[in-house]
Structures are given as structure tokens and as C-alpha cells.
Amino acid sequence: MFGFLNKKESKAQAKAEMFFEKYTQKNNHSFTNKSTRLVIAHALRKHIEHVLFDGVQAGQEFKEKKLLAVLHSNVDEPEKPSSNNPYQLIVTKAGPMTSFLPPEISSEVFDFGVSLSASGADGTYVKEQLQIIMDDLAGRLGISVEMEVLADIDLANN
């Protein structure tokens, strides 16, 4: 049964990537598939937020391990966290769906989270950069409606 779940998960991931690739092509920006493109855009917004917070959490764990390594000479220095997972399970009103975000974008968002946890990045700057990424993705999907990233979260008080 465990193997079945992995097949199901990998099939969902392949489908998510296919949808992303398909609907970011200009020839697929028709009125008839606008609702599909909007669903993908909303999922990508949530995906970005999930990856950012995963980066914050990984950055906090990294700080703790680094402090432990400083305090105890027999503990090795930890590796800086990185993300290589372009997929997220996103919960929507219609149910859970797998979302795909290209690895280079996912990694960049994750790194912003790590920087936030290290207090090395300005929260306002990070939020602006994430909005630029979201606006670019929405543009690639042919969506003209602004999708605000971290709408209810103030990163400036980090």
C-alpha cells in the first residue's frame, strides 16, 4: 500500500508540473480556461507562502544547530538548509491539490525564509520580492488580477 501512495503522489506531481507548463504558455491564455489558470495562480500563491515558512523553520533549526556546534566542540557545524522540492500539497475549497513551482523559484523563496529567520533580511523587502515573483507567475499564466502574497502577514516586525 505504501508503494501505491508513492505512485499516486508522483502521478499528482507530474500532473501539477504538466498543468504549470501547459498554462504558462501564451497560446493557452484563452477565456475558456481562465478558471483553471486562476486556480493554479491561487495555488501558487499558497505554495510560495508554504515554502517561505518552511524556509523560516529550517533557518531557525539551522541557527539552533549552529549554536549547539559553537557551544560543543564535538558537534559538527551544520550545513546551510536548502530546498529542492518544487511540489506542495495545497488545501483549497475544492479539496487538496498538488502544486508545482519551478525549482529555481522554490529555492529562491526558501532562501528568503532562511534569511528572515536569521534576521538577515528586511521583512518588507522580502514581501516585495515575493510579490514580484507572484506577479511574474500570474503574468505567465495570463492572469491580470493581483494575487497578494502574505496579505494578512506583516513581515516588517520580524
N, C-alpha and C. Protein backbone atom coordinates (compact mmCIF):
# COMPACT_ATOMS: atom_id res chain seq x y z
N MET A 1 0.81 -1.18 0.00
CA MET A 1 0.00 0.00 0.00
C MET A 1 0.87 1.26 0.00
N PHE A 2 2.00 1.22 0.69
CA PHE A 2 2.89 2.38 0.73
C PHE A 2 3.38 2.72 -0.68
N GLY A 3 3.72 1.71 -1.47
CA GLY A 3 4.15 1.94 -2.84
C GLY A 3 3.06 2.58 -3.68
N PHE A 4 1.81 2.19 -3.42
CA PHE A 4 0.68 2.76 -4.13
C PHE A 4 0.57 4.25 -3.86
N LEU A 5 0.76 4.65 -2.58
CA LEU A 5 0.68 6.06 -2.24
C LEU A 5 1.79 6.85 -2.94
N ASN A 6 2.98 6.26 -3.04
CA ASN A 6 4.07 6.95 -3.73
C ASN A 6 3.76 7.12 -5.21
N LYS A 7 3.16 6.09 -5.83
CA LYS A 7 2.78 6.20 -7.24
C LYS A 7 1.72 7.28 -7.41
N LYS A 8 0.76 7.30 -6.51
CA LYS A 8 -0.30 8.30 -6.57
C LYS A 8 0.28 9.70 -6.40
N GLU A 9 1.20 9.84 -5.45
CA GLU A 9 1.83 11.14 -5.20
C GLU A 9 2.65 11.58 -6.40
N SER A 10 3.44 10.68 -6.97
CA SER A 10 4.27 11.06 -8.12
C SER A 10 3.42 11.37 -9.35
N LYS A 11 2.29 10.70 -9.48
CA LYS A 11 1.37 10.99 -10.57
C LYS A 11 0.78 12.40 -10.39
N ALA A 12 0.41 12.74 -9.16
CA ALA A 12 -0.12 14.07 -8.86
C ALA A 12 0.93 15.14 -9.12
N GLN A 13 2.18 14.84 -8.77
CA GLN A 13 3.27 15.79 -9.01
C GLN A 13 3.50 16.00 -10.50
N ALA A 14 3.49 14.91 -11.26
CA ALA A 14 3.67 15.02 -12.71
C ALA A 14 2.53 15.83 -13.33
N LYS A 15 1.33 15.60 -12.84
CA LYS A 15 0.16 16.33 -13.35
C LYS A 15 0.28 17.81 -13.01
N ALA A 16 0.70 18.14 -11.80
CA ALA A 16 0.86 19.53 -11.39
C ALA A 16 1.89 20.24 -12.26
N GLU A 17 3.00 19.58 -12.52
CA GLU A 17 4.04 20.17 -13.36
C GLU A 17 3.53 20.36 -14.78
N MET A 18 2.80 19.37 -15.30
CA MET A 18 2.25 19.46 -16.65
C MET A 18 1.28 20.64 -16.76
N PHE A 19 0.40 20.80 -15.76
CA PHE A 19 -0.54 21.92 -15.77
C PHE A 19 0.20 23.25 -15.74
N PHE A 20 1.22 23.35 -14.90
CA PHE A 20 2.00 24.59 -14.82
C PHE A 20 2.62 24.91 -16.18
N GLU A 21 3.29 23.92 -16.76
CA GLU A 21 3.96 24.13 -18.05
C GLU A 21 2.94 24.47 -19.14
N LYS A 22 1.82 23.78 -19.15
CA LYS A 22 0.81 23.99 -20.18
C LYS A 22 0.20 25.38 -20.10
N TYR A 23 -0.23 25.77 -18.90
CA TYR A 23 -0.98 27.02 -18.77
C TYR A 23 -0.11 28.26 -18.67
N THR A 24 1.20 28.12 -18.58
CA THR A 24 2.06 29.30 -18.63
C THR A 24 2.47 29.63 -20.06
N GLN A 25 2.03 28.83 -21.01
CA GLN A 25 2.30 29.12 -22.42
C GLN A 25 1.24 30.10 -22.93
N LYS A 26 1.68 31.10 -23.66
CA LYS A 26 0.78 32.16 -24.12
C LYS A 26 -0.39 31.62 -24.95
N ASN A 27 -0.17 30.57 -25.71
CA ASN A 27 -1.26 30.05 -26.54
C ASN A 27 -2.36 29.36 -25.72
N ASN A 28 -2.16 29.22 -24.41
CA ASN A 28 -3.17 28.63 -23.53
C ASN A 28 -3.81 29.67 -22.61
N HIS A 29 -3.82 30.92 -23.04
CA HIS A 29 -4.41 32.00 -22.25
C HIS A 29 -5.79 32.36 -22.81
N SER A 30 -6.64 31.39 -23.00
CA SER A 30 -7.96 31.66 -23.55
C SER A 30 -8.97 31.91 -22.44
N PHE A 31 -10.09 32.50 -22.80
CA PHE A 31 -11.15 32.78 -21.84
C PHE A 31 -11.73 31.48 -21.29
N THR A 32 -11.77 30.45 -22.11
CA THR A 32 -12.38 29.19 -21.70
C THR A 32 -11.63 28.49 -20.57
N ASN A 33 -10.34 28.72 -20.44
CA ASN A 33 -9.59 28.06 -19.36
C ASN A 33 -9.13 29.04 -18.28
N LYS A 34 -9.76 30.20 -18.23
CA LYS A 34 -9.37 31.21 -17.24
C LYS A 34 -9.56 30.70 -15.81
N SER A 35 -10.63 29.96 -15.55
CA SER A 35 -10.85 29.46 -14.19
C SER A 35 -9.75 28.49 -13.78
N THR A 36 -9.28 27.67 -14.70
CA THR A 36 -8.18 26.75 -14.40
C THR A 36 -6.91 27.54 -14.09
N ARG A 37 -6.64 28.56 -14.87
CA ARG A 37 -5.44 29.38 -14.65
C ARG A 37 -5.53 30.13 -13.32
N LEU A 38 -6.74 30.56 -12.94
CA LEU A 38 -6.92 31.23 -11.65
C LEU A 38 -6.69 30.26 -10.49
N VAL A 39 -7.16 29.04 -10.63
CA VAL A 39 -6.93 28.02 -9.59
C VAL A 39 -5.44 27.78 -9.43
N ILE A 40 -4.74 27.67 -10.54
CA ILE A 40 -3.28 27.46 -10.49
C ILE A 40 -2.60 28.65 -9.83
N ALA A 41 -3.03 29.87 -10.18
CA ALA A 41 -2.42 31.07 -9.59
C ALA A 41 -2.65 31.12 -8.08
N HIS A 42 -3.86 30.82 -7.64
CA HIS A 42 -4.14 30.81 -6.20
C HIS A 42 -3.31 29.74 -5.49
N ALA A 43 -3.17 28.58 -6.12
CA ALA A 43 -2.35 27.52 -5.54
C ALA A 43 -0.89 27.95 -5.46
N LEU A 44 -0.41 28.64 -6.48
CA LEU A 44 0.98 29.12 -6.47
C LEU A 44 1.21 30.15 -5.36
N ARG A 45 0.22 31.00 -5.12
CA ARG A 45 0.34 31.97 -4.03
C ARG A 45 0.49 31.24 -2.70
N LYS A 46 -0.36 30.26 -2.46
CA LYS A 46 -0.26 29.48 -1.23
C LYS A 46 1.05 28.70 -1.18
N HIS A 47 1.46 28.20 -2.33
CA HIS A 47 2.70 27.43 -2.43
C HIS A 47 3.88 28.31 -2.00
N ILE A 48 3.93 29.52 -2.51
CA ILE A 48 5.00 30.46 -2.15
C ILE A 48 5.02 30.69 -0.65
N GLU A 49 3.85 30.89 -0.07
CA GLU A 49 3.78 31.12 1.37
C GLU A 49 4.25 29.90 2.17
N HIS A 50 3.85 28.70 1.73
CA HIS A 50 4.30 27.48 2.41
C HIS A 50 5.82 27.34 2.36
N VAL A 51 6.39 27.57 1.18
CA VAL A 51 7.84 27.42 1.02
C VAL A 51 8.58 28.46 1.85
N LEU A 52 8.06 29.68 1.90
CA LEU A 52 8.68 30.72 2.71
C LEU A 52 8.72 30.28 4.18
N PHE A 53 7.60 29.81 4.70
CA PHE A 53 7.55 29.41 6.10
C PHE A 53 8.37 28.14 6.36
N ASP A 54 8.47 27.26 5.37
CA ASP A 54 9.37 26.11 5.50
C ASP A 54 10.81 26.60 5.64
N GLY A 55 11.16 27.64 4.86
CA GLY A 55 12.50 28.23 4.95
C GLY A 55 12.76 28.88 6.28
N VAL A 56 11.75 29.58 6.82
CA VAL A 56 11.89 30.19 8.14
C VAL A 56 12.14 29.11 9.18
N GLN A 57 11.35 28.05 9.14
CA GLN A 57 11.51 26.95 10.11
C GLN A 57 12.88 26.29 9.97
N ALA A 58 13.29 26.02 8.73
CA ALA A 58 14.60 25.40 8.51
C ALA A 58 15.71 26.32 8.98
N GLY A 59 15.55 27.62 8.77
CA GLY A 59 16.54 28.59 9.22
C GLY A 59 16.65 28.64 10.74
N GLN A 60 15.53 28.54 11.42
CA GLN A 60 15.55 28.53 12.88
C GLN A 60 16.25 27.27 13.40
N GLU A 61 15.94 26.13 12.79
CA GLU A 61 16.60 24.89 13.19
C GLU A 61 18.10 24.96 12.93
N PHE A 62 18.48 25.59 11.81
CA PHE A 62 19.89 25.76 11.47
C PHE A 62 20.59 26.62 12.52
N LYS A 63 19.95 27.72 12.95
CA LYS A 63 20.53 28.59 13.98
C LYS A 63 20.76 27.82 15.27
N GLU A 64 19.77 27.00 15.65
CA GLU A 64 19.90 26.21 16.88
C GLU A 64 21.05 25.21 16.79
N LYS A 65 21.16 24.53 15.64
CA LYS A 65 22.24 23.55 15.46
C LYS A 65 23.60 24.24 15.40
N LYS A 66 23.63 25.42 14.79
CA LYS A 66 24.88 26.16 14.71
C LYS A 66 25.33 26.61 16.10
N LEU A 67 24.38 27.06 16.90
CA LEU A 67 24.69 27.47 18.27
C LEU A 67 25.19 26.27 19.08
N LEU A 68 24.56 25.14 18.89
CA LEU A 68 24.97 23.92 19.57
C LEU A 68 26.40 23.54 19.16
N ALA A 69 26.71 23.71 17.88
CA ALA A 69 28.07 23.40 17.39
C ALA A 69 29.10 24.35 17.98
N VAL A 70 28.72 25.60 18.20
CA VAL A 70 29.63 26.57 18.80
C VAL A 70 29.87 26.23 20.27
N LEU A 71 28.81 25.83 20.94
CA LEU A 71 28.91 25.54 22.37
C LEU A 71 29.61 24.21 22.68
N HIS A 72 29.52 23.27 21.77
CA HIS A 72 30.11 21.94 21.99
C HIS A 72 31.07 21.61 20.86
N SER A 73 32.33 21.47 21.21
CA SER A 73 33.35 21.23 20.19
C SER A 73 33.19 19.88 19.49
N ASN A 74 32.49 18.94 20.10
CA ASN A 74 32.34 17.63 19.47
C ASN A 74 31.15 17.56 18.50
N VAL A 75 30.41 18.67 18.35
CA VAL A 75 29.27 18.73 17.43
C VAL A 75 29.72 19.40 16.14
N ASP A 76 29.46 18.74 15.02
CA ASP A 76 29.85 19.28 13.71
C ASP A 76 29.00 20.49 13.32
N GLU A 77 29.62 21.37 12.56
CA GLU A 77 28.92 22.54 12.03
C GLU A 77 27.85 22.06 11.05
N PRO A 78 26.60 22.53 11.17
CA PRO A 78 25.54 22.07 10.27
C PRO A 78 25.66 22.70 8.88
N GLU A 79 25.08 22.01 7.90
CA GLU A 79 25.03 22.56 6.55
C GLU A 79 23.89 23.56 6.47
N LYS A 80 24.10 24.61 5.69
CA LYS A 80 23.04 25.60 5.50
C LYS A 80 21.86 24.91 4.81
N PRO A 81 20.64 25.16 5.29
CA PRO A 81 19.48 24.48 4.71
C PRO A 81 19.21 24.93 3.27
N SER A 82 18.70 23.99 2.50
CA SER A 82 18.31 24.30 1.13
C SER A 82 17.07 23.49 0.79
N SER A 83 16.39 23.92 -0.23
CA SER A 83 15.16 23.24 -0.65
C SER A 83 15.32 22.78 -2.08
N ASN A 84 14.90 21.55 -2.32
CA ASN A 84 14.93 21.05 -3.69
C ASN A 84 13.59 20.40 -4.05
N ASN A 85 12.54 20.75 -3.29
CA ASN A 85 11.23 20.16 -3.55
C ASN A 85 10.32 21.20 -4.22
N PRO A 86 10.04 21.04 -5.50
CA PRO A 86 9.20 22.01 -6.19
C PRO A 86 7.70 21.75 -6.02
N TYR A 87 7.33 20.77 -5.20
CA TYR A 87 5.92 20.39 -5.04
C TYR A 87 5.42 20.70 -3.64
N GLN A 88 4.16 21.06 -3.54
CA GLN A 88 3.50 21.29 -2.26
C GLN A 88 2.08 20.75 -2.37
N LEU A 89 1.59 20.21 -1.27
CA LEU A 89 0.20 19.82 -1.19
C LEU A 89 -0.56 21.03 -0.64
N ILE A 90 -1.44 21.59 -1.44
CA ILE A 90 -2.17 22.80 -1.10
C ILE A 90 -3.62 22.43 -0.83
N VAL A 91 -4.15 22.93 0.27
CA VAL A 91 -5.55 22.69 0.61
C VAL A 91 -6.38 23.85 0.06
N THR A 92 -7.37 23.51 -0.77
CA THR A 92 -8.26 24.51 -1.36
C THR A 92 -9.70 24.18 -0.96
N LYS A 93 -10.62 25.08 -1.30
CA LYS A 93 -12.03 24.82 -1.04
C LYS A 93 -12.50 23.58 -1.78
N ALA A 94 -11.92 23.32 -2.94
CA ALA A 94 -12.30 22.16 -3.74
C ALA A 94 -11.62 20.88 -3.25
N GLY A 95 -10.72 21.01 -2.28
CA GLY A 95 -10.00 19.85 -1.76
C GLY A 95 -8.51 20.02 -1.95
N PRO A 96 -7.73 19.04 -1.49
CA PRO A 96 -6.28 19.16 -1.63
C PRO A 96 -5.83 18.97 -3.08
N MET A 97 -4.79 19.70 -3.43
CA MET A 97 -4.20 19.57 -4.76
C MET A 97 -2.69 19.74 -4.65
N THR A 98 -1.99 19.11 -5.56
CA THR A 98 -0.54 19.23 -5.61
C THR A 98 -0.21 20.41 -6.51
N SER A 99 0.70 21.25 -6.04
CA SER A 99 1.12 22.43 -6.78
C SER A 99 2.59 22.28 -7.16
N PHE A 100 2.94 22.83 -8.32
CA PHE A 100 4.32 22.81 -8.80
C PHE A 100 4.81 24.24 -8.95
N LEU A 101 5.99 24.49 -8.42
CA LEU A 101 6.68 25.76 -8.57
C LEU A 101 8.08 25.41 -9.07
N PRO A 102 8.51 25.98 -10.18
CA PRO A 102 9.84 25.63 -10.71
C PRO A 102 10.90 25.66 -9.61
N PRO A 103 11.81 24.68 -9.62
CA PRO A 103 12.80 24.55 -8.54
C PRO A 103 13.61 25.80 -8.25
N GLU A 104 13.96 26.56 -9.28
CA GLU A 104 14.77 27.76 -9.05
C GLU A 104 13.97 28.81 -8.29
N ILE A 105 12.68 28.91 -8.55
CA ILE A 105 11.83 29.86 -7.82
C ILE A 105 11.59 29.36 -6.40
N SER A 106 11.30 28.08 -6.28
CA SER A 106 11.07 27.49 -4.96
C SER A 106 12.29 27.67 -4.07
N SER A 107 13.46 27.46 -4.63
CA SER A 107 14.71 27.61 -3.87
C SER A 107 14.92 29.06 -3.45
N GLU A 108 14.62 29.99 -4.35
CA GLU A 108 14.77 31.41 -4.03
C GLU A 108 13.84 31.82 -2.89
N VAL A 109 12.59 31.36 -2.94
CA VAL A 109 11.62 31.68 -1.88
C VAL A 109 12.06 31.05 -0.56
N PHE A 110 12.52 29.81 -0.61
CA PHE A 110 13.01 29.12 0.59
C PHE A 110 14.16 29.90 1.21
N ASP A 111 15.09 30.36 0.38
CA ASP A 111 16.24 31.14 0.87
C ASP A 111 15.80 32.45 1.53
N PHE A 112 14.73 33.07 1.01
CA PHE A 112 14.19 34.27 1.66
C PHE A 112 13.73 33.92 3.08
N GLY A 113 13.09 32.77 3.23
CA GLY A 113 12.64 32.33 4.55
C GLY A 113 13.80 32.10 5.49
N VAL A 114 14.85 31.46 4.99
CA VAL A 114 16.04 31.21 5.81
C VAL A 114 16.65 32.55 6.24
N SER A 115 16.71 33.50 5.32
CA SER A 115 17.25 34.83 5.63
C SER A 115 16.42 35.54 6.68
N LEU A 116 15.10 35.40 6.57
CA LEU A 116 14.23 36.03 7.58
C LEU A 116 14.50 35.46 8.96
N SER A 117 14.67 34.16 9.05
CA SER A 117 14.88 33.54 10.37
C SER A 117 16.22 33.92 10.95
N ALA A 118 17.17 34.25 10.10
CA ALA A 118 18.49 34.65 10.57
C ALA A 118 18.54 36.16 10.85
N SER A 119 17.40 36.82 10.69
CA SER A 119 17.31 38.27 10.85
C SER A 119 18.25 38.99 9.91
N GLY A 120 18.57 38.34 8.81
CA GLY A 120 19.48 38.94 7.84
C GLY A 120 18.75 39.63 6.71
N ALA A 121 17.43 39.57 6.71
CA ALA A 121 16.68 40.19 5.62
C ALA A 121 15.59 41.07 6.21
N ASP A 122 15.32 42.15 5.51
CA ASP A 122 14.25 43.06 5.88
C ASP A 122 12.92 42.44 5.44
N GLY A 123 11.97 42.32 6.36
CA GLY A 123 10.68 41.70 6.07
C GLY A 123 9.92 42.39 4.95
N THR A 124 9.97 43.71 4.92
CA THR A 124 9.28 44.46 3.87
C THR A 124 9.90 44.14 2.52
N TYR A 125 11.22 44.09 2.47
CA TYR A 125 11.92 43.75 1.22
C TYR A 125 11.53 42.35 0.75
N VAL A 126 11.52 41.39 1.67
CA VAL A 126 11.17 40.01 1.32
C VAL A 126 9.76 39.95 0.76
N LYS A 127 8.85 40.63 1.42
CA LYS A 127 7.45 40.63 0.97
C LYS A 127 7.34 41.23 -0.43
N GLU A 128 8.08 42.31 -0.68
CA GLU A 128 8.08 42.94 -2.01
C GLU A 128 8.64 41.98 -3.06
N GLN A 129 9.71 41.28 -2.72
CA GLN A 129 10.32 40.34 -3.67
C GLN A 129 9.38 39.17 -3.97
N LEU A 130 8.70 38.68 -2.94
CA LEU A 130 7.74 37.59 -3.14
C LEU A 130 6.58 38.07 -4.01
N GLN A 131 6.18 39.31 -3.85
CA GLN A 131 5.10 39.85 -4.68
C GLN A 131 5.54 39.96 -6.13
N ILE A 132 6.79 40.34 -6.35
CA ILE A 132 7.32 40.40 -7.72
C ILE A 132 7.29 39.01 -8.34
N ILE A 133 7.70 38.00 -7.58
CA ILE A 133 7.67 36.62 -8.07
C ILE A 133 6.24 36.22 -8.41
N MET A 134 5.29 36.52 -7.50
CA MET A 134 3.89 36.15 -7.73
C MET A 134 3.33 36.88 -8.94
N ASP A 135 3.64 38.16 -9.08
CA ASP A 135 3.16 38.93 -10.23
C ASP A 135 3.70 38.35 -11.54
N ASP A 136 4.96 37.93 -11.52
CA ASP A 136 5.56 37.32 -12.70
C ASP A 136 4.84 36.00 -13.05
N LEU A 137 4.59 35.18 -12.03
CA LEU A 137 3.89 33.92 -12.27
C LEU A 137 2.48 34.16 -12.78
N ALA A 138 1.78 35.13 -12.20
CA ALA A 138 0.43 35.45 -12.66
C ALA A 138 0.47 35.93 -14.11
N GLY A 139 1.46 36.74 -14.44
CA GLY A 139 1.62 37.20 -15.82
C GLY A 139 1.88 36.05 -16.78
N ARG A 140 2.71 35.11 -16.35
CA ARG A 140 2.98 33.93 -17.18
C ARG A 140 1.73 33.09 -17.39
N LEU A 141 0.82 33.15 -16.41
CA LEU A 141 -0.45 32.42 -16.52
C LEU A 141 -1.52 33.24 -17.25
N GLY A 142 -1.21 34.49 -17.58
CA GLY A 142 -2.17 35.34 -18.26
C GLY A 142 -3.25 35.85 -17.32
N ILE A 143 -2.94 35.99 -16.05
CA ILE A 143 -3.88 36.47 -15.04
C ILE A 143 -3.59 37.94 -14.78
N SER A 144 -4.60 38.78 -14.92
CA SER A 144 -4.39 40.21 -14.70
C SER A 144 -4.83 40.65 -13.30
N VAL A 145 -5.47 39.77 -12.55
CA VAL A 145 -5.90 40.08 -11.19
C VAL A 145 -4.69 39.96 -10.26
N GLU A 146 -4.49 40.95 -9.38
CA GLU A 146 -3.36 40.89 -8.47
C GLU A 146 -3.63 39.87 -7.36
N MET A 147 -2.68 38.99 -7.16
CA MET A 147 -2.74 37.98 -6.11
C MET A 147 -1.74 38.39 -5.05
N GLU A 148 -2.22 38.95 -3.94
CA GLU A 148 -1.32 39.46 -2.91
C GLU A 148 -0.76 38.32 -2.07
N VAL A 149 0.55 38.24 -2.02
CA VAL A 149 1.25 37.25 -1.22
C VAL A 149 1.34 37.77 0.21
N LEU A 150 1.11 36.89 1.17
CA LEU A 150 1.19 37.24 2.60
C LEU A 150 0.29 38.43 2.93
N ALA A 151 -0.93 38.40 2.42
CA ALA A 151 -1.86 39.52 2.56
C ALA A 151 -2.10 39.90 4.02
N ASP A 152 -2.22 38.94 4.90
CA ASP A 152 -2.56 39.22 6.29
C ASP A 152 -1.37 39.11 7.24
N ILE A 153 -0.18 39.08 6.68
CA ILE A 153 1.01 38.89 7.50
C ILE A 153 1.96 40.06 7.31
N ASP A 154 2.40 40.63 8.42
CA ASP A 154 3.34 41.75 8.41
C ASP A 154 4.73 41.21 8.72
N LEU A 155 5.58 41.15 7.72
CA LEU A 155 6.94 40.68 7.92
C LEU A 155 7.86 41.79 8.41
N ALA A 156 7.38 43.02 8.42
CA ALA A 156 8.22 44.14 8.83
C ALA A 156 8.58 44.07 10.31
N ASN A 157 7.75 43.43 11.11
CA ASN A 157 8.01 43.34 12.55
C ASN A 157 8.75 42.07 12.92
N ASN A 158 9.52 41.57 12.03
CA ASN A 158 10.27 40.33 12.28
C ASN A 158 11.41 40.53 13.21
